[in-house]
């Protein structure tokens, strides 16, 4: 399925891109090649390929629940600078 230049203009408009006519031609050609390649990939028969990672496999996650956390003094122990129980960091403008 080739991509028309109108498609590229619409996509550029949605992305708020200002493309020159030369860029529109280039993107039209490139996107057409990409879509043509994707169409070729879609035609490949993959029914005989075995799934390598089962989708329905149970995951081994830990139970979600409250855990003990650091105390304020432990959290601030390795801080460069602190004041009144808070981290002091350089001002960012």
N, C-alpha and C. Protein backbone atom coordinates (compact mmCIF):
# COMPACT_ATOMS: atom_id res chain seq x y z
N UNK A 1 0.85 -1.17 0.00
CA UNK A 1 0.00 0.00 0.00
C UNK A 1 0.89 1.24 0.00
N UNK A 2 0.99 1.92 -1.10
CA UNK A 2 1.83 3.11 -1.14
C UNK A 2 1.20 4.25 -0.34
N UNK A 3 2.03 5.08 0.20
CA UNK A 3 1.59 6.24 0.97
C UNK A 3 1.49 7.43 0.01
N UNK A 4 0.37 8.12 0.04
CA UNK A 4 0.19 9.30 -0.80
C UNK A 4 0.77 10.52 -0.11
N UNK A 5 1.12 11.50 -0.90
CA UNK A 5 1.68 12.73 -0.33
C UNK A 5 0.66 13.40 0.59
N UNK A 6 -0.62 13.23 0.32
CA UNK A 6 -1.67 13.79 1.18
C UNK A 6 -1.59 13.19 2.58
N UNK A 7 -1.24 11.89 2.66
CA UNK A 7 -1.07 11.26 3.98
C UNK A 7 0.08 11.91 4.74
N UNK A 8 1.17 12.14 4.06
CA UNK A 8 2.34 12.76 4.69
C UNK A 8 1.99 14.17 5.15
N UNK A 9 1.28 14.92 4.33
CA UNK A 9 0.87 16.28 4.71
C UNK A 9 -0.02 16.24 5.95
N UNK A 10 -0.95 15.28 6.00
CA UNK A 10 -1.85 15.17 7.15
C UNK A 10 -1.07 14.81 8.41
N UNK A 11 -0.16 13.83 8.30
CA UNK A 11 0.64 13.42 9.46
C UNK A 11 1.51 14.57 9.93
N UNK A 12 2.11 15.30 8.98
CA UNK A 12 2.94 16.45 9.35
C UNK A 12 2.10 17.51 10.05
N UNK A 13 0.88 17.70 9.58
CA UNK A 13 0.00 18.67 10.23
C UNK A 13 -0.36 18.25 11.65
N UNK A 14 -0.63 16.95 11.84
CA UNK A 14 -0.95 16.45 13.18
C UNK A 14 0.23 16.61 14.13
N UNK A 15 1.45 16.43 13.58
CA UNK A 15 2.66 16.55 14.40
C UNK A 15 3.16 17.99 14.47
N UNK A 16 2.43 18.90 13.82
CA UNK A 16 2.81 20.30 13.77
C UNK A 16 4.22 20.50 13.20
N UNK A 17 4.47 19.78 12.10
CA UNK A 17 5.75 19.89 11.41
C UNK A 17 5.54 20.68 10.12
N UNK A 18 6.47 21.55 9.83
CA UNK A 18 6.44 22.28 8.57
C UNK A 18 7.47 21.66 7.66
N UNK A 19 7.00 20.94 6.65
CA UNK A 19 7.89 20.25 5.73
C UNK A 19 7.97 21.00 4.40
N UNK A 20 9.16 21.05 3.86
CA UNK A 20 9.32 21.62 2.53
C UNK A 20 8.79 20.60 1.52
N UNK A 21 8.52 21.03 0.29
CA UNK A 21 8.06 20.07 -0.72
C UNK A 21 9.06 18.93 -0.93
N UNK A 22 10.35 19.23 -0.86
CA UNK A 22 11.37 18.19 -1.02
C UNK A 22 11.30 17.19 0.13
N UNK A 23 11.10 17.68 1.36
CA UNK A 23 10.98 16.79 2.52
C UNK A 23 9.71 15.95 2.42
N UNK A 24 8.62 16.54 1.93
CA UNK A 24 7.39 15.78 1.76
C UNK A 24 7.59 14.64 0.77
N UNK A 25 8.28 14.90 -0.32
CA UNK A 25 8.55 13.86 -1.30
C UNK A 25 9.41 12.76 -0.69
N UNK A 26 10.42 13.17 0.06
CA UNK A 26 11.33 12.21 0.68
C UNK A 26 10.59 11.32 1.69
N UNK A 27 9.78 11.95 2.54
CA UNK A 27 9.03 11.19 3.53
C UNK A 27 7.99 10.28 2.87
N UNK A 28 7.37 10.76 1.79
CA UNK A 28 6.40 9.94 1.07
C UNK A 28 7.07 8.68 0.56
N UNK A 29 8.24 8.83 -0.04
CA UNK A 29 8.98 7.68 -0.57
C UNK A 29 9.39 6.74 0.56
N UNK A 30 9.98 7.30 1.63
CA UNK A 30 10.47 6.48 2.75
C UNK A 30 9.33 5.72 3.44
N UNK A 31 8.24 6.42 3.71
CA UNK A 31 7.11 5.77 4.39
C UNK A 31 6.47 4.70 3.50
N UNK A 32 6.43 4.93 2.19
CA UNK A 32 5.90 3.92 1.28
C UNK A 32 6.74 2.66 1.31
N UNK A 33 8.07 2.84 1.35
CA UNK A 33 8.96 1.68 1.43
C UNK A 33 8.76 0.92 2.74
N UNK A 34 8.60 1.64 3.82
CA UNK A 34 8.40 1.00 5.12
C UNK A 34 7.10 0.20 5.12
N UNK A 35 6.01 0.81 4.64
CA UNK A 35 4.72 0.13 4.62
C UNK A 35 4.76 -1.08 3.69
N UNK A 36 5.44 -0.96 2.55
CA UNK A 36 5.57 -2.09 1.63
C UNK A 36 6.32 -3.23 2.31
N UNK A 37 7.37 -2.91 3.05
CA UNK A 37 8.13 -3.94 3.76
C UNK A 37 7.27 -4.59 4.83
N UNK A 38 6.50 -3.80 5.57
CA UNK A 38 5.63 -4.36 6.60
C UNK A 38 4.57 -5.27 5.98
N UNK A 39 4.06 -4.90 4.80
CA UNK A 39 3.10 -5.76 4.10
C UNK A 39 3.74 -7.10 3.72
N UNK A 40 5.01 -7.04 3.30
CA UNK A 40 5.73 -8.28 2.97
C UNK A 40 5.86 -9.17 4.20
N UNK A 41 6.19 -8.57 5.35
CA UNK A 41 6.34 -9.34 6.58
C UNK A 41 5.01 -9.95 7.01
N UNK A 42 3.90 -9.24 6.77
CA UNK A 42 2.59 -9.74 7.16
C UNK A 42 2.19 -10.96 6.34
N UNK A 43 2.76 -11.11 5.15
CA UNK A 43 2.42 -12.24 4.29
C UNK A 43 3.16 -13.53 4.67
N UNK A 44 4.17 -13.43 5.50
CA UNK A 44 4.96 -14.60 5.87
C UNK A 44 4.14 -15.52 6.77
N UNK A 45 4.15 -16.82 6.44
CA UNK A 45 3.43 -17.81 7.23
C UNK A 45 4.27 -18.17 8.46
N UNK A 46 3.77 -17.84 9.63
CA UNK A 46 4.49 -18.12 10.87
C UNK A 46 3.78 -19.16 11.73
N UNK A 47 2.79 -19.85 11.16
CA UNK A 47 2.03 -20.83 11.94
C UNK A 47 2.88 -21.98 12.44
N UNK A 48 3.95 -22.31 11.72
CA UNK A 48 4.79 -23.45 12.10
C UNK A 48 5.85 -23.07 13.15
N UNK A 49 5.98 -21.81 13.46
CA UNK A 49 7.00 -21.36 14.42
C UNK A 49 6.45 -21.50 15.83
N UNK A 50 7.24 -22.14 16.66
CA UNK A 50 6.84 -22.36 18.04
C UNK A 50 7.03 -21.09 18.86
N UNK A 51 6.12 -20.83 19.76
CA UNK A 51 6.23 -19.65 20.62
C UNK A 51 7.39 -19.87 21.57
N UNK A 52 8.28 -18.87 21.67
CA UNK A 52 9.47 -19.04 22.49
C UNK A 52 9.25 -18.65 23.95
N UNK A 53 8.29 -17.78 24.21
CA UNK A 53 7.99 -17.38 25.58
C UNK A 53 6.49 -17.50 25.79
N UNK A 54 6.06 -18.47 26.57
CA UNK A 54 4.62 -18.65 26.75
C UNK A 54 3.96 -17.41 27.34
N UNK A 55 2.86 -17.01 26.75
CA UNK A 55 2.16 -15.81 27.19
C UNK A 55 1.35 -16.05 28.46
N UNK A 56 0.96 -17.28 28.70
CA UNK A 56 0.11 -17.56 29.85
C UNK A 56 0.90 -18.09 31.05
N UNK A 57 2.19 -17.93 31.03
CA UNK A 57 3.04 -18.42 32.11
C UNK A 57 2.89 -17.54 33.35
N UNK A 58 2.81 -18.14 34.49
CA UNK A 58 2.67 -17.38 35.73
C UNK A 58 3.97 -16.65 36.04
N UNK A 59 3.85 -15.47 36.56
CA UNK A 59 5.03 -14.70 36.91
C UNK A 59 5.38 -14.93 38.38
N UNK A 60 6.62 -14.82 38.68
CA UNK A 60 7.09 -15.01 40.05
C UNK A 60 7.35 -13.66 40.70
N UNK A 61 6.29 -12.99 41.06
CA UNK A 61 6.41 -11.69 41.71
C UNK A 61 6.19 -11.85 43.21
N UNK A 62 6.82 -11.00 43.95
CA UNK A 62 6.62 -11.04 45.39
C UNK A 62 5.24 -10.50 45.74
N UNK A 63 4.74 -10.86 46.88
CA UNK A 63 3.45 -10.35 47.33
C UNK A 63 3.57 -8.86 47.60
N UNK A 64 2.54 -8.13 47.23
CA UNK A 64 2.55 -6.70 47.44
C UNK A 64 1.99 -6.41 48.83
N UNK A 65 2.77 -5.74 49.62
CA UNK A 65 2.34 -5.43 50.97
C UNK A 65 3.27 -4.43 51.60
N UNK A 66 2.90 -3.90 52.74
CA UNK A 66 3.75 -2.91 53.40
C UNK A 66 5.07 -3.54 53.85
N UNK A 67 6.11 -2.78 53.68
CA UNK A 67 7.45 -3.22 54.08
C UNK A 67 8.04 -2.14 54.98
N UNK A 68 8.93 -2.51 55.88
CA UNK A 68 9.56 -1.48 56.71
C UNK A 68 10.41 -0.57 55.83
N UNK A 69 10.40 0.70 56.13
CA UNK A 69 11.17 1.66 55.34
C UNK A 69 12.28 2.26 56.20
N UNK A 70 13.12 3.08 55.57
CA UNK A 70 14.22 3.72 56.29
C UNK A 70 13.69 4.79 57.22
N UNK A 71 14.37 4.97 58.31
CA UNK A 71 14.05 6.10 59.17
C UNK A 71 14.63 7.35 58.52
N UNK A 72 14.21 8.52 58.98
CA UNK A 72 14.71 9.77 58.41
C UNK A 72 16.22 9.87 58.58
N UNK A 73 16.73 9.47 59.72
CA UNK A 73 18.18 9.56 59.94
C UNK A 73 18.95 8.60 59.03
N UNK A 74 18.38 7.41 58.77
CA UNK A 74 19.03 6.47 57.85
C UNK A 74 19.02 7.01 56.42
N UNK A 75 17.90 7.62 56.02
CA UNK A 75 17.79 8.15 54.66
C UNK A 75 18.76 9.31 54.45
N UNK A 76 18.99 10.10 55.47
CA UNK A 76 19.86 11.27 55.36
C UNK A 76 21.32 10.96 55.67
N UNK A 77 21.63 9.73 56.07
CA UNK A 77 22.97 9.38 56.54
C UNK A 77 24.05 9.66 55.50
N UNK A 78 23.81 9.39 54.21
CA UNK A 78 24.83 9.59 53.18
C UNK A 78 24.62 10.85 52.36
N UNK A 79 23.73 11.72 52.79
CA UNK A 79 23.46 12.95 52.06
C UNK A 79 24.65 13.90 52.17
N UNK A 80 24.87 14.63 51.08
CA UNK A 80 25.96 15.61 51.10
C UNK A 80 25.68 16.72 52.10
N UNK A 81 24.50 17.32 52.01
CA UNK A 81 24.11 18.40 52.92
C UNK A 81 22.67 18.19 53.36
N UNK A 82 22.40 18.50 54.61
CA UNK A 82 21.04 18.40 55.14
C UNK A 82 20.76 19.60 56.02
N UNK A 83 19.48 19.87 56.20
CA UNK A 83 19.08 20.94 57.11
C UNK A 83 17.68 20.63 57.60
N UNK A 84 17.50 20.57 58.89
CA UNK A 84 16.20 20.33 59.52
C UNK A 84 15.51 19.08 58.98
N UNK A 85 16.28 18.02 58.72
CA UNK A 85 15.71 16.76 58.27
C UNK A 85 15.41 16.69 56.78
N UNK A 86 15.96 17.62 56.00
CA UNK A 86 15.73 17.64 54.54
C UNK A 86 17.06 17.60 53.80
N UNK A 87 17.03 17.11 52.56
CA UNK A 87 18.22 17.15 51.70
C UNK A 87 18.40 18.58 51.21
N UNK A 88 19.63 19.02 51.13
CA UNK A 88 19.94 20.32 50.54
C UNK A 88 20.58 20.03 49.18
N UNK A 89 19.98 20.59 48.13
CA UNK A 89 20.49 20.40 46.77
C UNK A 89 20.71 21.75 46.12
N UNK A 90 21.57 21.81 45.08
CA UNK A 90 21.78 23.08 44.41
C UNK A 90 20.49 23.58 43.75
N UNK A 91 20.34 24.88 43.69
CA UNK A 91 19.17 25.50 43.06
C UNK A 91 19.23 25.24 41.55
N UNK A 92 18.10 24.90 40.99
CA UNK A 92 17.99 24.66 39.55
C UNK A 92 17.08 25.73 38.96
N UNK A 93 17.57 26.41 37.97
CA UNK A 93 16.76 27.46 37.34
C UNK A 93 16.44 27.10 35.93
